[in-house]
């Protein structure tokens, strides 16, 4: 049964929710300003960084038939340090993308880039499934088209 909530009741419920959150996390004006700044910076950053990444990846990046060798011709220590930095960046992109699902930003594309930066078994299959989503593929190829880049080559269906 649907019971309509008046504006006053809804405001009261939000006030209760804020009071509960403030018991666990001290929220003051400085915290709210900081969160707002982080939201704005991540939104603007995503509008700049994500298209750049999508423009400069190779057309066969998501093709599972093409082997990928990251920093293949570099010293082992450099590869290990590079892999650690790349995985940390991947985690940051995934967390930021998840937050952007609820805040302004390109959440799904950011999560896709984060996954592509991580190293784990089965990653390329997950990437291929995500990139096959028509809305995501259309968006990426539209961005690539604006910068005179060819569309992505998709792997055959598994």
C-alpha atoms as a PDB file:
ATOM      1  CA  UNK A   1       0.000   0.000   0.000  1.00  0.00           C
ATOM      2  CA  UNK A   2       1.400   3.396  -1.020  1.00  0.00           C
ATOM      3  CA  UNK A   3       1.341   6.037   1.676  1.00  0.00           C
ATOM      4  CA  UNK A   4       2.285   9.487   0.378  1.00  0.00           C
ATOM      5  CA  UNK A   5       4.901  11.310   2.382  1.00  0.00           C
ATOM      6  CA  UNK A   6       4.490  15.028   2.737  1.00  0.00           C
ATOM      7  CA  UNK A   7       7.394  17.391   2.176  1.00  0.00           C
ATOM      8  CA  UNK A   8       7.697  17.984   5.918  1.00  0.00           C
ATOM      9  CA  UNK A   9       7.879  14.248   6.658  1.00  0.00           C
ATOM     10  CA  UNK A  10      10.465  13.754   3.907  1.00  0.00           C
ATOM     11  CA  UNK A  11      12.604  16.613   5.261  1.00  0.00           C
ATOM     12  CA  UNK A  12      12.282  15.139   8.748  1.00  0.00           C
ATOM     13  CA  UNK A  13      13.424  11.730   7.447  1.00  0.00           C
ATOM     14  CA  UNK A  14      16.425  13.326   5.699  1.00  0.00           C
ATOM     15  CA  UNK A  15      17.300  15.169   8.908  1.00  0.00           C
ATOM     16  CA  UNK A  16      17.219  11.867  10.800  1.00  0.00           C
ATOM     17  CA  UNK A  17      19.405  10.252   8.154  1.00  0.00           C
ATOM     18  CA  UNK A  18      21.910  13.103   8.364  1.00  0.00           C
ATOM     19  CA  UNK A  19      21.942  12.835  12.174  1.00  0.00           C
ATOM     20  CA  UNK A  20      22.637   9.086  11.954  1.00  0.00           C
ATOM     21  CA  UNK A  21      25.471   9.650   9.481  1.00  0.00           C
ATOM     22  CA  UNK A  22      26.943  12.407  11.665  1.00  0.00           C
ATOM     23  CA  UNK A  23      27.113   9.981  14.589  1.00  0.00           C
ATOM     24  CA  UNK A  24      29.566   7.841  12.613  1.00  0.00           C
ATOM     25  CA  UNK A  25      31.255  10.430  10.380  1.00  0.00           C
ATOM     26  CA  UNK A  26      31.696  13.976  11.620  1.00  0.00           C
ATOM     27  CA  UNK A  27      30.272  16.142   8.836  1.00  0.00           C
ATOM     28  CA  UNK A  28      30.872  19.854   9.097  1.00  0.00           C
ATOM     29  CA  UNK A  29      30.904  22.654   6.527  1.00  0.00           C
ATOM     30  CA  UNK A  30      34.570  22.062   5.661  1.00  0.00           C
ATOM     31  CA  UNK A  31      33.861  18.390   4.928  1.00  0.00           C
ATOM     32  CA  UNK A  32      30.910  19.262   2.704  1.00  0.00           C
ATOM     33  CA  UNK A  33      32.979  21.864   0.847  1.00  0.00           C
ATOM     34  CA  UNK A  34      35.780  19.336   0.416  1.00  0.00           C
ATOM     35  CA  UNK A  35      33.417  16.674  -0.921  1.00  0.00           C
ATOM     36  CA  UNK A  36      31.897  19.202  -3.315  1.00  0.00           C
ATOM     37  CA  UNK A  37      35.349  20.197  -4.595  1.00  0.00           C
ATOM     38  CA  UNK A  38      36.346  16.554  -5.038  1.00  0.00           C
ATOM     39  CA  UNK A  39      33.131  15.919  -6.967  1.00  0.00           C
ATOM     40  CA  UNK A  40      33.713  18.903  -9.263  1.00  0.00           C
ATOM     41  CA  UNK A  41      37.376  18.059  -9.854  1.00  0.00           C
ATOM     42  CA  UNK A  42      36.635  14.382 -10.573  1.00  0.00           C
ATOM     43  CA  UNK A  43      33.840  15.365 -12.969  1.00  0.00           C
ATOM     44  CA  UNK A  44      36.040  17.806 -14.906  1.00  0.00           C
ATOM     45  CA  UNK A  45      38.970  15.374 -14.786  1.00  0.00           C
ATOM     46  CA  UNK A  46      36.823  12.572 -16.177  1.00  0.00           C
ATOM     47  CA  UNK A  47      35.695  14.816 -19.031  1.00  0.00           C
ATOM     48  CA  UNK A  48      39.344  15.380 -19.977  1.00  0.00           C
ATOM     49  CA  UNK A  49      41.169  12.136 -19.137  1.00  0.00           C
ATOM     50  CA  UNK A  50      38.657   9.512 -20.277  1.00  0.00           C
ATOM     51  CA  UNK A  51      38.323  10.767 -23.866  1.00  0.00           C
ATOM     52  CA  UNK A  52      42.125  11.023 -24.128  1.00  0.00           C
ATOM     53  CA  UNK A  53      42.533   7.415 -23.038  1.00  0.00           C
ATOM     54  CA  UNK A  54      39.793   6.235 -25.406  1.00  0.00           C
ATOM     55  CA  UNK A  55      41.326   8.137 -28.318  1.00  0.00           C
ATOM     56  CA  UNK A  56      44.849   6.806 -27.869  1.00  0.00           C
ATOM     57  CA  UNK A  57      44.164   3.109 -27.231  1.00  0.00           C
ATOM     58  CA  UNK A  58      44.802   0.913 -30.233  1.00  0.00           C
ATOM     59  CA  UNK A  59      41.841  -0.255 -32.300  1.00  0.00           C
ATOM     60  CA  UNK A  60      42.504  -3.891 -31.363  1.00  0.00           C
ATOM     61  CA  UNK A  61      42.962  -3.227 -27.624  1.00  0.00           C
ATOM     62  CA  UNK A  62      39.794  -5.153 -26.693  1.00  0.00           C
ATOM     63  CA  UNK A  63      40.379  -7.980 -29.196  1.00  0.00           C
ATOM     64  CA  UNK A  64      41.181 -11.047 -27.094  1.00  0.00           C
ATOM     65  CA  UNK A  65      42.968 -12.673 -30.041  1.00  0.00           C
ATOM     66  CA  UNK A  66      45.743 -10.059 -29.936  1.00  0.00           C
ATOM     67  CA  UNK A  67      48.309 -10.683 -27.168  1.00  0.00           C
ATOM     68  CA  UNK A  68      49.180  -7.784 -24.883  1.00  0.00           C
ATOM     69  CA  UNK A  69      52.644  -7.406 -23.433  1.00  0.00           C
ATOM     70  CA  UNK A  70      52.999  -4.418 -21.160  1.00  0.00           C
ATOM     71  CA  UNK A  71      56.545  -2.996 -20.839  1.00  0.00           C
ATOM     72  CA  UNK A  72      57.890  -6.161 -22.466  1.00  0.00           C
ATOM     73  CA  UNK A  73      61.341  -4.779 -23.310  1.00  0.00           C
ATOM     74  CA  UNK A  74      62.028  -3.087 -19.967  1.00  0.00           C
ATOM     75  CA  UNK A  75      64.035  -4.248 -16.967  1.00  0.00           C
ATOM     76  CA  UNK A  76      62.232  -6.553 -14.522  1.00  0.00           C
ATOM     77  CA  UNK A  77      62.335  -4.001 -11.678  1.00  0.00           C
ATOM     78  CA  UNK A  78      60.794  -1.321 -13.925  1.00  0.00           C
ATOM     79  CA  UNK A  79      58.078  -3.756 -15.024  1.00  0.00           C
ATOM     80  CA  UNK A  80      57.211  -4.634 -11.422  1.00  0.00           C
ATOM     81  CA  UNK A  81      57.108  -0.969 -10.346  1.00  0.00           C
ATOM     82  CA  UNK A  82      55.092  -0.111 -13.469  1.00  0.00           C
ATOM     83  CA  UNK A  83      52.621  -2.933 -12.794  1.00  0.00           C
ATOM     84  CA  UNK A  84      52.177  -1.794  -9.200  1.00  0.00           C
ATOM     85  CA  UNK A  85      51.501   1.804 -10.285  1.00  0.00           C
ATOM     86  CA  UNK A  86      49.174   0.616 -13.065  1.00  0.00           C
ATOM     87  CA  UNK A  87      47.152  -1.566 -10.658  1.00  0.00           C
ATOM     88  CA  UNK A  88      46.891   1.226  -8.080  1.00  0.00           C
ATOM     89  CA  UNK A  89      45.640   3.570 -10.812  1.00  0.00           C
ATOM     90  CA  UNK A  90      43.145   0.883 -11.892  1.00  0.00           C
ATOM     91  CA  UNK A  91      41.745   0.619  -8.375  1.00  0.00           C
ATOM     92  CA  UNK A  92      41.464   4.410  -8.167  1.00  0.00           C
ATOM     93  CA  UNK A  93      39.622   4.527 -11.502  1.00  0.00           C
ATOM     94  CA  UNK A  94      37.193   1.803 -10.405  1.00  0.00           C
ATOM     95  CA  UNK A  95      36.448   3.501  -7.074  1.00  0.00           C
ATOM     96  CA  UNK A  96      36.070   6.877  -8.791  1.00  0.00           C
ATOM     97  CA  UNK A  97      33.835   5.317 -11.454  1.00  0.00           C
ATOM     98  CA  UNK A  98      31.645   3.724  -8.812  1.00  0.00           C
ATOM     99  CA  UNK A  99      31.291   7.087  -7.070  1.00  0.00           C
ATOM    100  CA  UNK A 100      30.488   8.724 -10.429  1.00  0.00           C
ATOM    101  CA  UNK A 101      27.538   6.401 -10.844  1.00  0.00           C
ATOM    102  CA  UNK A 102      25.895   8.416  -8.062  1.00  0.00           C
ATOM    103  CA  UNK A 103      27.585  11.774  -8.766  1.00  0.00           C
ATOM    104  CA  UNK A 104      28.087  13.593 -12.078  1.00  0.00           C
ATOM    105  CA  UNK A 105      30.591  11.894 -14.333  1.00  0.00           C
ATOM    106  CA  UNK A 106      31.164   9.054 -16.749  1.00  0.00           C
ATOM    107  CA  UNK A 107      30.955   6.197 -14.253  1.00  0.00           C
ATOM    108  CA  UNK A 108      30.764   3.156 -16.528  1.00  0.00           C
ATOM    109  CA  UNK A 109      33.545   4.339 -18.837  1.00  0.00           C
ATOM    110  CA  UNK A 110      35.722   5.124 -15.823  1.00  0.00           C
ATOM    111  CA  UNK A 111      35.122   1.642 -14.399  1.00  0.00           C
ATOM    112  CA  UNK A 112      35.977   0.111 -17.806  1.00  0.00           C
ATOM    113  CA  UNK A 113      39.269   2.003 -17.891  1.00  0.00           C
ATOM    114  CA  UNK A 114      39.987   0.945 -14.297  1.00  0.00           C
ATOM    115  CA  UNK A 115      39.389  -2.704 -15.159  1.00  0.00           C
ATOM    116  CA  UNK A 116      41.645  -2.408 -18.194  1.00  0.00           C
ATOM    117  CA  UNK A 117      44.453  -1.095 -15.963  1.00  0.00           C
ATOM    118  CA  UNK A 118      44.205  -3.973 -13.475  1.00  0.00           C
ATOM    119  CA  UNK A 119      45.872  -7.350 -13.883  1.00  0.00           C
ATOM    120  CA  UNK A 120      43.801 -10.385 -12.915  1.00  0.00           C
ATOM    121  CA  UNK A 121      42.814 -13.692 -14.544  1.00  0.00           C
ATOM    122  CA  UNK A 122      39.886 -13.411 -16.938  1.00  0.00           C
ATOM    123  CA  UNK A 123      40.192  -9.635 -17.256  1.00  0.00           C
ATOM    124  CA  UNK A 124      40.160  -9.590 -21.050  1.00  0.00           C
ATOM    125  CA  UNK A 125      36.918 -11.606 -21.190  1.00  0.00           C
ATOM    126  CA  UNK A 126      35.256  -9.161 -18.777  1.00  0.00           C
ATOM    127  CA  UNK A 127      36.509  -6.221 -20.851  1.00  0.00           C
ATOM    128  CA  UNK A 128      35.129  -7.818 -24.020  1.00  0.00           C
ATOM    129  CA  UNK A 129      31.712  -8.299 -22.398  1.00  0.00           C
ATOM    130  CA  UNK A 130      31.606  -4.701 -21.180  1.00  0.00           C
ATOM    131  CA  UNK A 131      32.745  -3.256 -24.498  1.00  0.00           C
ATOM    132  CA  UNK A 132      30.074  -5.259 -26.348  1.00  0.00           C
ATOM    133  CA  UNK A 133      27.372  -3.315 -24.522  1.00  0.00           C
ATOM    134  CA  UNK A 134      25.919  -1.319 -27.455  1.00  0.00           C
ATOM    135  CA  UNK A 135      25.598   1.949 -25.549  1.00  0.00           C
ATOM    136  CA  UNK A 136      29.207   1.818 -24.341  1.00  0.00           C
ATOM    137  CA  UNK A 137      30.601   0.824 -27.743  1.00  0.00           C
ATOM    138  CA  UNK A 138      28.595   3.574 -29.494  1.00  0.00           C
ATOM    139  CA  UNK A 139      29.855   6.167 -27.008  1.00  0.00           C
ATOM    140  CA  UNK A 140      33.499   5.117 -27.357  1.00  0.00           C
ATOM    141  CA  UNK A 141      33.374   4.935 -31.154  1.00  0.00           C
ATOM    142  CA  UNK A 142      31.607   8.337 -31.306  1.00  0.00           C
ATOM    143  CA  UNK A 143      34.435   9.871 -29.265  1.00  0.00           C
ATOM    144  CA  UNK A 144      37.018   8.180 -31.512  1.00  0.00           C
ATOM    145  CA  UNK A 145      35.180   9.353 -34.646  1.00  0.00           C
ATOM    146  CA  UNK A 146      35.281  13.002 -33.492  1.00  0.00           C
ATOM    147  CA  UNK A 147      39.078  12.761 -33.383  1.00  0.00           C
ATOM    148  CA  UNK A 148      39.408  10.889 -36.725  1.00  0.00           C
ATOM    149  CA  UNK A 149      40.308   7.584 -35.069  1.00  0.00           C
ATOM    150  CA  UNK A 150      39.002   4.276 -36.462  1.00  0.00           C
ATOM    151  CA  UNK A 151      36.363   2.353 -34.478  1.00  0.00           C
ATOM    152  CA  UNK A 152      37.398  -0.375 -32.070  1.00  0.00           C
ATOM    153  CA  UNK A 153      37.783  -3.931 -33.318  1.00  0.00           C
ATOM    154  CA  UNK A 154      35.769  -6.336 -31.211  1.00  0.00           C
ATOM    155  CA  UNK A 155      36.723  -9.943 -30.569  1.00  0.00           C
ATOM    156  CA  UNK A 156      34.490 -12.681 -31.914  1.00  0.00           C
ATOM    157  CA  UNK A 157      31.785 -13.881 -29.555  1.00  0.00           C
ATOM    158  CA  UNK A 158      33.172 -16.550 -27.185  1.00  0.00           C
END
